[in-house]
Amino acid sequence: MFGREIVDIVACEGLEREERHERYARWIVRFVGAGFKPAHMWCDAKQIIDAYGKDGYKIMNDKSSLMICWHERPLYAVSAWIS
């Protein structure tokens, strides 16, 4: 799933590089500026973590996203936006 993306980030520079990662806070500014509002996903995500066990994993909710964390360290941010 991430193979091409990883190669792009690790092996490519300049014009050859296609992936341009930005911090999540910057994406919030982009979405809000384009007229989008965050969709709330909290209940479903919490049910998934509870169902599969949470040894060290947790989900943090900041009202515009869910962050999957290992203890207190964010690993991945997930969001959904509506117009």
PDB file of N, CA and C in Angstrom:
ATOM      1  N   MET A   1       0.815  -1.186   0.000  1.00  0.00           N
ATOM      2  CA  MET A   1       0.000   0.000   0.000  1.00  0.00           C
ATOM      3  C   MET A   1       0.863   1.256   0.000  1.00  0.00           C
ATOM      4  N   PHE A   2       1.897   1.302   0.798  1.00  0.00           N
ATOM      5  CA  PHE A   2       2.728   2.490   0.886  1.00  0.00           C
ATOM      6  C   PHE A   2       4.045   2.350   0.131  1.00  0.00           C
ATOM      7  N   GLY A   3       4.241   1.253  -0.589  1.00  0.00           N
ATOM      8  CA  GLY A   3       5.520   0.990  -1.248  1.00  0.00           C
ATOM      9  C   GLY A   3       5.996   2.110  -2.144  1.00  0.00           C
ATOM     10  N   ARG A   4       5.147   2.538  -3.077  1.00  0.00           N
ATOM     11  CA  ARG A   4       5.529   3.601  -4.005  1.00  0.00           C
ATOM     12  C   ARG A   4       5.802   4.905  -3.253  1.00  0.00           C
ATOM     13  N   GLU A   5       4.975   5.190  -2.265  1.00  0.00           N
ATOM     14  CA  GLU A   5       5.140   6.410  -1.483  1.00  0.00           C
ATOM     15  C   GLU A   5       6.465   6.407  -0.723  1.00  0.00           C
ATOM     16  N   ILE A   6       6.822   5.286  -0.135  1.00  0.00           N
ATOM     17  CA  ILE A   6       8.084   5.188   0.608  1.00  0.00           C
ATOM     18  C   ILE A   6       9.270   5.368  -0.325  1.00  0.00           C
ATOM     19  N   VAL A   7       9.247   4.705  -1.471  1.00  0.00           N
ATOM     20  CA  VAL A   7      10.335   4.865  -2.447  1.00  0.00           C
ATOM     21  C   VAL A   7      10.445   6.326  -2.859  1.00  0.00           C
ATOM     22  N   ASP A   8       9.333   6.963  -3.118  1.00  0.00           N
ATOM     23  CA  ASP A   8       9.333   8.359  -3.536  1.00  0.00           C
ATOM     24  C   ASP A   8       9.970   9.261  -2.479  1.00  0.00           C
ATOM     25  N   ILE A   9       9.616   9.053  -1.224  1.00  0.00           N
ATOM     26  CA  ILE A   9      10.136   9.892  -0.147  1.00  0.00           C
ATOM     27  C   ILE A   9      11.617   9.636   0.096  1.00  0.00           C
ATOM     28  N   VAL A  10      12.025   8.374   0.066  1.00  0.00           N
ATOM     29  CA  VAL A  10      13.405   8.016   0.397  1.00  0.00           C
ATOM     30  C   VAL A  10      14.362   8.243  -0.767  1.00  0.00           C
ATOM     31  N   ALA A  11      13.959   7.898  -1.977  1.00  0.00           N
ATOM     32  CA  ALA A  11      14.892   7.871  -3.105  1.00  0.00           C
ATOM     33  C   ALA A  11      14.821   9.074  -4.039  1.00  0.00           C
ATOM     34  N   CYS A  12      13.781   9.872  -3.965  1.00  0.00           N
ATOM     35  CA  CYS A  12      13.620  10.951  -4.946  1.00  0.00           C
ATOM     36  C   CYS A  12      13.779  12.321  -4.303  1.00  0.00           C
ATOM     37  N   GLU A  13      14.315  13.241  -5.067  1.00  0.00           N
ATOM     38  CA  GLU A  13      14.474  14.623  -4.625  1.00  0.00           C
ATOM     39  C   GLU A  13      14.099  15.560  -5.763  1.00  0.00           C
ATOM     40  N   GLY A  14      13.886  16.808  -5.433  1.00  0.00           N
ATOM     41  CA  GLY A  14      13.617  17.818  -6.450  1.00  0.00           C
ATOM     42  C   GLY A  14      12.366  17.522  -7.249  1.00  0.00           C
ATOM     43  N   LEU A  15      12.451  17.728  -8.555  1.00  0.00           N
ATOM     44  CA  LEU A  15      11.300  17.544  -9.436  1.00  0.00           C
ATOM     45  C   LEU A  15      10.855  16.093  -9.548  1.00  0.00           C
ATOM     46  N   GLU A  16      11.758  15.138  -9.259  1.00  0.00           N
ATOM     47  CA  GLU A  16      11.406  13.715  -9.335  1.00  0.00           C
ATOM     48  C   GLU A  16      10.467  13.291  -8.209  1.00  0.00           C
ATOM     49  N   ARG A  17      10.488  14.026  -7.121  1.00  0.00           N
ATOM     50  CA  ARG A  17       9.679  13.647  -5.962  1.00  0.00           C
ATOM     51  C   ARG A  17       8.232  14.076  -6.155  1.00  0.00           C
ATOM     52  N   GLU A  18       7.311  13.135  -5.953  1.00  0.00           N
ATOM     53  CA  GLU A  18       5.884  13.413  -6.116  1.00  0.00           C
ATOM     54  C   GLU A  18       5.182  13.681  -4.787  1.00  0.00           C
ATOM     55  N   GLU A  19       5.555  12.976  -3.746  1.00  0.00           N
ATOM     56  CA  GLU A  19       4.900  13.123  -2.446  1.00  0.00           C
ATOM     57  C   GLU A  19       5.433  14.354  -1.733  1.00  0.00           C
ATOM     58  N   ARG A  20       4.537  15.165  -1.225  1.00  0.00           N
ATOM     59  CA  ARG A  20       4.904  16.361  -0.467  1.00  0.00           C
ATOM     60  C   ARG A  20       4.134  16.338   0.849  1.00  0.00           C
ATOM     61  N   HIS A  21       4.740  15.757   1.852  1.00  0.00           N
ATOM     62  CA  HIS A  21       4.064  15.621   3.140  1.00  0.00           C
ATOM     63  C   HIS A  21       4.093  16.934   3.903  1.00  0.00           C
ATOM     64  N   GLU A  22       2.987  17.217   4.569  1.00  0.00           N
ATOM     65  CA  GLU A  22       2.882  18.408   5.401  1.00  0.00           C
ATOM     66  C   GLU A  22       2.307  18.000   6.749  1.00  0.00           C
ATOM     67  N   ARG A  23       2.536  18.814   7.730  1.00  0.00           N
ATOM     68  CA  ARG A  23       1.980  18.565   9.057  1.00  0.00           C
ATOM     69  C   ARG A  23       0.461  18.661   8.993  1.00  0.00           C
ATOM     70  N   TYR A  24      -0.186  17.937   9.892  1.00  0.00           N
ATOM     71  CA  TYR A  24      -1.644  17.894   9.897  1.00  0.00           C
ATOM     72  C   TYR A  24      -2.253  19.283  10.102  1.00  0.00           C
ATOM     73  N   ALA A  25      -1.633  20.102  10.930  1.00  0.00           N
ATOM     74  CA  ALA A  25      -2.162  21.446  11.187  1.00  0.00           C
ATOM     75  C   ALA A  25      -2.288  22.250   9.893  1.00  0.00           C
ATOM     76  N   ARG A  26      -1.368  22.056   8.972  1.00  0.00           N
ATOM     77  CA  ARG A  26      -1.421  22.768   7.689  1.00  0.00           C
ATOM     78  C   ARG A  26      -2.601  22.292   6.845  1.00  0.00           C
ATOM     79  N   TRP A  27      -2.901  20.997   6.905  1.00  0.00           N
ATOM     80  CA  TRP A  27      -4.052  20.475   6.164  1.00  0.00           C
ATOM     81  C   TRP A  27      -5.355  21.030   6.717  1.00  0.00           C
ATOM     82  N   ILE A  28      -5.451  21.206   8.030  1.00  0.00           N
ATOM     83  CA  ILE A  28      -6.653  21.795   8.631  1.00  0.00           C
ATOM     84  C   ILE A  28      -6.890  23.180   8.044  1.00  0.00           C
ATOM     85  N   VAL A  29      -5.836  23.993   7.968  1.00  0.00           N
ATOM     86  CA  VAL A  29      -5.952  25.338   7.396  1.00  0.00           C
ATOM     87  C   VAL A  29      -6.448  25.259   5.954  1.00  0.00           C
ATOM     88  N   ARG A  30      -5.902  24.333   5.179  1.00  0.00           N
ATOM     89  CA  ARG A  30      -6.316  24.187   3.775  1.00  0.00           C
ATOM     90  C   ARG A  30      -7.795  23.806   3.657  1.00  0.00           C
ATOM     91  N   PHE A  31      -8.224  22.807   4.423  1.00  0.00           N
ATOM     92  CA  PHE A  31      -9.614  22.355   4.339  1.00  0.00           C
ATOM     93  C   PHE A  31     -10.594  23.430   4.800  1.00  0.00           C
ATOM     94  N   VAL A  32     -10.322  24.054   5.939  1.00  0.00           N
ATOM     95  CA  VAL A  32     -11.212  25.099   6.450  1.00  0.00           C
ATOM     96  C   VAL A  32     -11.261  26.269   5.466  1.00  0.00           C
ATOM     97  N   GLY A  33     -10.115  26.639   4.915  1.00  0.00           N
ATOM     98  CA  GLY A  33     -10.062  27.723   3.938  1.00  0.00           C
ATOM     99  C   GLY A  33     -10.858  27.434   2.678  1.00  0.00           C
ATOM    100  N   ALA A  34     -11.027  26.159   2.359  1.00  0.00           N
ATOM    101  CA  ALA A  34     -11.791  25.761   1.173  1.00  0.00           C
ATOM    102  C   ALA A  34     -13.274  25.543   1.501  1.00  0.00           C
ATOM    103  N   GLY A  35     -13.667  25.828   2.749  1.00  0.00           N
ATOM    104  CA  GLY A  35     -15.075  25.734   3.118  1.00  0.00           C
ATOM    105  C   GLY A  35     -15.523  24.396   3.671  1.00  0.00           C
ATOM    106  N   PHE A  36     -14.598  23.524   3.993  1.00  0.00           N
ATOM    107  CA  PHE A  36     -14.958  22.217   4.543  1.00  0.00           C
ATOM    108  C   PHE A  36     -15.060  22.285   6.066  1.00  0.00           C
ATOM    109  N   LYS A  37     -15.815  21.340   6.620  1.00  0.00           N
ATOM    110  CA  LYS A  37     -15.944  21.198   8.072  1.00  0.00           C
ATOM    111  C   LYS A  37     -15.613  19.755   8.435  1.00  0.00           C
ATOM    112  N   PRO A  38     -15.015  19.545   9.610  1.00  0.00           N
ATOM    113  CA  PRO A  38     -14.669  18.167   9.982  1.00  0.00           C
ATOM    114  C   PRO A  38     -15.910  17.324  10.252  1.00  0.00           C
ATOM    115  N   ALA A  39     -15.868  16.084   9.795  1.00  0.00           N
ATOM    116  CA  ALA A  39     -16.913  15.103  10.106  1.00  0.00           C
ATOM    117  C   ALA A  39     -16.443  14.330  11.333  1.00  0.00           C
ATOM    118  N   HIS A  40     -17.344  14.036  12.221  1.00  0.00           N
ATOM    119  CA  HIS A  40     -16.958  13.386  13.476  1.00  0.00           C
ATOM    120  C   HIS A  40     -17.002  11.869  13.330  1.00  0.00           C
ATOM    121  N   MET A  41     -15.916  11.212  13.736  1.00  0.00           N
ATOM    122  CA  MET A  41     -15.771   9.764  13.568  1.00  0.00           C
ATOM    123  C   MET A  41     -15.470   9.061  14.883  1.00  0.00           C
ATOM    124  N   TRP A  42     -15.570   9.738  15.985  1.00  0.00           N
ATOM    125  CA  TRP A  42     -15.060   9.253  17.260  1.00  0.00           C
ATOM    126  C   TRP A  42     -15.632   7.902  17.682  1.00  0.00           C
ATOM    127  N   CYS A  43     -16.936   7.731  17.626  1.00  0.00           N
ATOM    128  CA  CYS A  43     -17.568   6.509  18.157  1.00  0.00           C
ATOM    129  C   CYS A  43     -17.095   5.248  17.442  1.00  0.00           C
ATOM    130  N   ASP A  44     -17.068   5.267  16.122  1.00  0.00           N
ATOM    131  CA  ASP A  44     -16.649   4.084  15.359  1.00  0.00           C
ATOM    132  C   ASP A  44     -15.211   3.699  15.674  1.00  0.00           C
ATOM    133  N   ALA A  45     -14.328   4.668  15.721  1.00  0.00           N
ATOM    134  CA  ALA A  45     -12.915   4.375  15.971  1.00  0.00           C
ATOM    135  C   ALA A  45     -12.715   3.802  17.369  1.00  0.00           C
ATOM    136  N   LYS A  46     -13.381   4.360  18.347  1.00  0.00           N
ATOM    137  CA  LYS A  46     -13.248   3.855  19.714  1.00  0.00           C
ATOM    138  C   LYS A  46     -13.739   2.409  19.803  1.00  0.00           C
ATOM    139  N   GLN A  47     -14.819   2.075  19.119  1.00  0.00           N
ATOM    140  CA  GLN A  47     -15.335   0.705  19.122  1.00  0.00           C
ATOM    141  C   GLN A  47     -14.323  -0.264  18.516  1.00  0.00           C
ATOM    142  N   ILE A  48     -13.632   0.149  17.473  1.00  0.00           N
ATOM    143  CA  ILE A  48     -12.628  -0.712  16.835  1.00  0.00           C
ATOM    144  C   ILE A  48     -11.477  -0.990  17.788  1.00  0.00           C
ATOM    145  N   ILE A  49     -10.950   0.041  18.430  1.00  0.00           N
ATOM    146  CA  ILE A  49      -9.843  -0.140  19.378  1.00  0.00           C
ATOM    147  C   ILE A  49     -10.287  -1.037  20.532  1.00  0.00           C
ATOM    148  N   ASP A  50     -11.477  -0.795  21.064  1.00  0.00           N
ATOM    149  CA  ASP A  50     -11.978  -1.610  22.172  1.00  0.00           C
ATOM    150  C   ASP A  50     -12.147  -3.071  21.759  1.00  0.00           C
ATOM    151  N   ALA A  51     -12.574  -3.317  20.525  1.00  0.00           N
ATOM    152  CA  ALA A  51     -12.817  -4.681  20.053  1.00  0.00           C
ATOM    153  C   ALA A  51     -11.530  -5.469  19.846  1.00  0.00           C
ATOM    154  N   TYR A  52     -10.470  -4.813  19.417  1.00  0.00           N
ATOM    155  CA  TYR A  52      -9.232  -5.520  19.078  1.00  0.00           C
ATOM    156  C   TYR A  52      -8.158  -5.416  20.147  1.00  0.00           C
ATOM    157  N   GLY A  53      -8.464  -4.824  21.265  1.00  0.00           N
ATOM    158  CA  GLY A  53      -7.470  -4.691  22.320  1.00  0.00           C
ATOM    159  C   GLY A  53      -6.690  -3.411  22.141  1.00  0.00           C
ATOM    160  N   LYS A  54      -6.159  -2.924  23.224  1.00  0.00           N
ATOM    161  CA  LYS A  54      -5.501  -1.632  23.146  1.00  0.00           C
ATOM    162  C   LYS A  54      -4.190  -1.585  23.915  1.00  0.00           C
ATOM    163  N   ASP A  55      -3.490  -2.674  24.016  1.00  0.00           N
ATOM    164  CA  ASP A  55      -2.240  -2.735  24.768  1.00  0.00           C
ATOM    165  C   ASP A  55      -1.258  -1.663  24.302  1.00  0.00           C
ATOM    166  N   GLY A  56      -1.332  -0.500  24.904  1.00  0.00           N
ATOM    167  CA  GLY A  56      -0.434   0.592  24.553  1.00  0.00           C
ATOM    168  C   GLY A  56      -0.978   1.524  23.491  1.00  0.00           C
ATOM    169  N   TYR A  57      -1.970   1.088  22.739  1.00  0.00           N
ATOM    170  CA  TYR A  57      -2.551   1.935  21.698  1.00  0.00           C
ATOM    171  C   TYR A  57      -3.719   2.719  22.257  1.00  0.00           C
ATOM    172  N   LYS A  58      -3.905   3.908  21.738  1.00  0.00           N
ATOM    173  CA  LYS A  58      -5.085   4.672  22.103  1.00  0.00           C
ATOM    174  C   LYS A  58      -5.414   5.637  20.978  1.00  0.00           C
ATOM    175  N   ILE A  59      -6.615   6.143  21.022  1.00  0.00           N
ATOM    176  CA  ILE A  59      -7.052   7.104  20.026  1.00  0.00           C
ATOM    177  C   ILE A  59      -7.304   8.423  20.731  1.00  0.00           C
ATOM    178  N   MET A  60      -6.712   9.476  20.210  1.00  0.00           N
ATOM    179  CA  MET A  60      -6.933  10.813  20.736  1.00  0.00           C
ATOM    180  C   MET A  60      -7.798  11.569  19.736  1.00  0.00           C
ATOM    181  N   ASN A  61      -8.741  12.337  20.246  1.00  0.00           N
ATOM    182  CA  ASN A  61      -9.673  13.083  19.421  1.00  0.00           C
ATOM    183  C   ASN A  61      -9.435  14.567  19.649  1.00  0.00           C
ATOM    184  N   ASP A  62      -9.159  15.311  18.577  1.00  0.00           N
ATOM    185  CA  ASP A  62      -8.985  16.756  18.745  1.00  0.00           C
ATOM    186  C   ASP A  62     -10.075  17.551  18.014  1.00  0.00           C
ATOM    187  N   LYS A  63     -11.245  16.965  17.823  1.00  0.00           N
ATOM    188  CA  LYS A  63     -12.434  17.555  17.209  1.00  0.00           C
ATOM    189  C   LYS A  63     -12.355  17.700  15.695  1.00  0.00           C
ATOM    190  N   SER A  64     -11.178  17.645  15.106  1.00  0.00           N
ATOM    191  CA  SER A  64     -11.096  17.674  13.640  1.00  0.00           C
ATOM    192  C   SER A  64     -10.431  16.416  13.111  1.00  0.00           C
ATOM    193  N   SER A  65      -9.910  15.584  14.017  1.00  0.00           N
ATOM    194  CA  SER A  65      -9.249  14.360  13.569  1.00  0.00           C
ATOM    195  C   SER A  65      -9.173  13.352  14.701  1.00  0.00           C
ATOM    196  N   LEU A  66      -8.807  12.152  14.308  1.00  0.00           N
ATOM    197  CA  LEU A  66      -8.472  11.113  15.270  1.00  0.00           C
ATOM    198  C   LEU A  66      -7.000  10.816  15.084  1.00  0.00           C
ATOM    199  N   MET A  67      -6.287  10.704  16.171  1.00  0.00           N
ATOM    200  CA  MET A  67      -4.880  10.339  16.096  1.00  0.00           C
ATOM    201  C   MET A  67      -4.703   8.986  16.757  1.00  0.00           C
ATOM    202  N   ILE A  68      -4.154   8.056  16.006  1.00  0.00           N
ATOM    203  CA  ILE A  68      -3.836   6.743  16.540  1.00  0.00           C
ATOM    204  C   ILE A  68      -2.466   6.879  17.196  1.00  0.00           C
ATOM    205  N   CYS A  69      -2.398   6.549  18.480  1.00  0.00           N
ATOM    206  CA  CYS A  69      -1.171   6.780  19.249  1.00  0.00           C
ATOM    207  C   CYS A  69      -0.667   5.485  19.871  1.00  0.00           C
ATOM    208  N   TRP A  70       0.625   5.424  20.040  1.00  0.00           N
ATOM    209  CA  TRP A  70       1.268   4.394  20.849  1.00  0.00           C
ATOM    210  C   TRP A  70       1.644   5.099  22.133  1.00  0.00           C
ATOM    211  N   HIS A  71       0.937   4.784  23.200  1.00  0.00           N
ATOM    212  CA  HIS A  71       1.009   5.516  24.462  1.00  0.00           C
ATOM    213  C   HIS A  71       0.669   6.974  24.166  1.00  0.00           C
ATOM    214  N   GLU A  72       1.574   7.911  24.308  1.00  0.00           N
ATOM    215  CA  GLU A  72       1.279   9.326  24.043  1.00  0.00           C
ATOM    216  C   GLU A  72       1.819   9.809  22.702  1.00  0.00           C
ATOM    217  N   ARG A  73       2.488   8.938  21.950  1.00  0.00           N
ATOM    218  CA  ARG A  73       3.120   9.359  20.691  1.00  0.00           C
ATOM    219  C   ARG A  73       2.183   9.136  19.502  1.00  0.00           C
ATOM    220  N   PRO A  74       1.764  10.216  18.819  1.00  0.00           N
ATOM    221  CA  PRO A  74       0.911  10.050  17.637  1.00  0.00           C
ATOM    222  C   PRO A  74       1.639   9.288  16.536  1.00  0.00           C
ATOM    223  N   LEU A  75       0.961   8.309  15.959  1.00  0.00           N
ATOM    224  CA  LEU A  75       1.513   7.534  14.852  1.00  0.00           C
ATOM    225  C   LEU A  75       0.893   7.942  13.523  1.00  0.00           C
ATOM    226  N   TYR A  76      -0.401   8.228  13.558  1.00  0.00           N
ATOM    227  CA  TYR A  76      -1.120   8.484  12.316  1.00  0.00           C
ATOM    228  C   TYR A  76      -2.346   9.327  12.621  1.00  0.00           C
ATOM    229  N   ALA A  77      -2.599  10.335  11.812  1.00  0.00           N
ATOM    230  CA  ALA A  77      -3.800  11.161  11.963  1.00  0.00           C
ATOM    231  C   ALA A  77      -4.774  10.820  10.846  1.00  0.00           C
ATOM    232  N   VAL A  78      -6.030  10.733  11.207  1.00  0.00           N
ATOM    233  CA  VAL A  78      -7.079  10.402  10.246  1.00  0.00           C
ATOM    234  C   VAL A  78      -8.178  11.446  10.384  1.00  0.00           C
ATOM    235  N   SER A  79      -8.671  11.923   9.256  1.00  0.00           N
ATOM    236  CA  SER A  79      -9.762  12.886   9.315  1.00  0.00           C
ATOM    237  C   SER A  79     -10.709  12.679   8.146  1.00  0.00           C
ATOM    238  N   ALA A  80     -11.914  13.182   8.303  1.00  0.00           N
ATOM    239  CA  ALA A  80     -12.905  13.179   7.228  1.00  0.00           C
ATOM    240  C   ALA A  80     -13.543  14.561   7.227  1.00  0.00           C
ATOM    241  N   TRP A  81     -13.768  15.089   6.049  1.00  0.00           N
ATOM    242  CA  TRP A  81     -14.276  16.453   5.912  1.00  0.00           C
ATOM    243  C   TRP A  81     -15.515  16.464   5.039  1.00  0.00           C
ATOM    244  N   ILE A  82     -16.450  17.368   5.356  1.00  0.00           N
ATOM    245  CA  ILE A  82     -17.670  17.515   4.561  1.00  0.00           C
ATOM    246  C   ILE A  82     -17.783  18.956   4.070  1.00  0.00           C
ATOM    247  N   SER A  83     -18.437  19.112   2.935  1.00  0.00           N
ATOM    248  CA  SER A  83     -18.581  20.475   2.385  1.00  0.00           C
ATOM    249  C   SER A  83     -19.940  21.046   2.710  1.00  0.00           C
TER     250      SER A  83
END
